[in-house]
């Protein structure tokens, strides 16, 4: 009997101790609202709303993303909570005028005070940094929408809203930030949430309504222009351009004064996301170099045709006053099948090819053309180089052999790897005064290792327009980096 009483007493003490620990853990937080879900007597759940301008899913490898830069986050915010009947349940318009991070466009996350919601399904619409767009529908977010006569009609207009050229409105210059006239990057996001008695937090992730083009320009550049992106954007992500989109209307130019002096200078440009374009984007560059046969204007077309919102597109630019003509093929033979040769078609102006894993390939420089499309005078001396390990092997390649204008070997790299081959072409030409001159030009050929083709007749032309999974952070080199050669404007 005594043993039972003692055991019973210890069980009560242990229960009391566990309760004390739980309560202490709650009091250790800033407040108790997040410790336990609460439901009031009227059956409403007490929850918080969290808005983030960064990726909420930490399971995705950080190495595949780039965090936003200064002033690329929230400055103003409005959140609409709508029920299944398309009625406005609550409008959250936080006063961020005293928030130093928000005032400089650097607020990465905002969490509401506790609010009460009846259990059920809700759609949350969040919009940030809309004032610079000067759009009538978006300007309504600054007023009390509960007094809107026909909210469901207004909401449908918001859902289907097309924002004209949001990239143009952005001004994050130091002068604008310091003077209080900055126009920050517009953002939007939506989420569907089912609220139950156990719900304590509802999160909405924002996407920037623009893309970022990162151009690495060579020395002596005086200006660079990126053109032919969409002139309007859907407010909420649709993975398609509005039907009335004009792709030839817009361009953005960055001028260097004085001209760039470093070997490579990086400039970031905000452009509108583009999904449905069937051609590449145009890049034009001017230079004050005096060693390019008097030519100062160059242009080219990108391999990529689509720009998802909230992504970065890096492009390395270089001058080319003589274009490289490449020919080649690869052969691949599954077990029991005779080898079949497939022609390689390099991507125009970028010298990029796709070759299946394990395939034997050969590439040949067939010609060097000047700006008029005329082949240079033979003979042309070609030198191939590649990265070499300490043991003399070439990573990603097997039995790599160069013979004059031709190079061949096996592809041993893993799928998704991009390899580079460098080549230098040299020849003798005659200048405008009839004097002979020795010219040389360097090029980089990119080889993308792809999966074994389903059929032996599979085309090897690079498809760089495939959609990339969107995230709530800027995507870095994850829109495949491109080396782009700019040719003389004719």
Foldseek 3Di string as FASTA:
>chain_A
DVVVVVVVVVVVVVVVVVVVVLVVVCVVDPHNLQSFWDADPVQWTKAKEKEFLAFPDPVPDPVQFDFDDWLAAFQWKKKFKAAPVRATPDIDGDDCVVPPCSLRNRDGMDMGDIDIDHFFKIKMKMKGQCPLLVDPLVVCSVDDCNPPPDNSVSVVCLQFPKRFWQLVSADNDPCCSVVSNGRYFIKIWMDMDGDDSGHHYDYTYIFGQWEKEKEWEAFQWFKKKKAQAWRITGRYDDLADPPPTGRHPDMDMDGDVVTHHDGIDIDMGIGGWHRPFPFFIKMKIAGPDDPLLPFGIWMDGDLEGGGDTLAYAYEYEDEDQKDWDKWKWKWDADPPGDIDIETWDADPQFQEWEDEAFIKMKMFGPFIAGPVRHGFDDDKWKDKDFDADPVGDGPQWAPWDDDTRMIITTGHDDAQDKGKMKMKIWDWHAHPVRDIDIDMDIDIHIYHYHHDDPDRHDHTYDRLHDDDDDGSHYGYCSSPYTYGYIYGDD
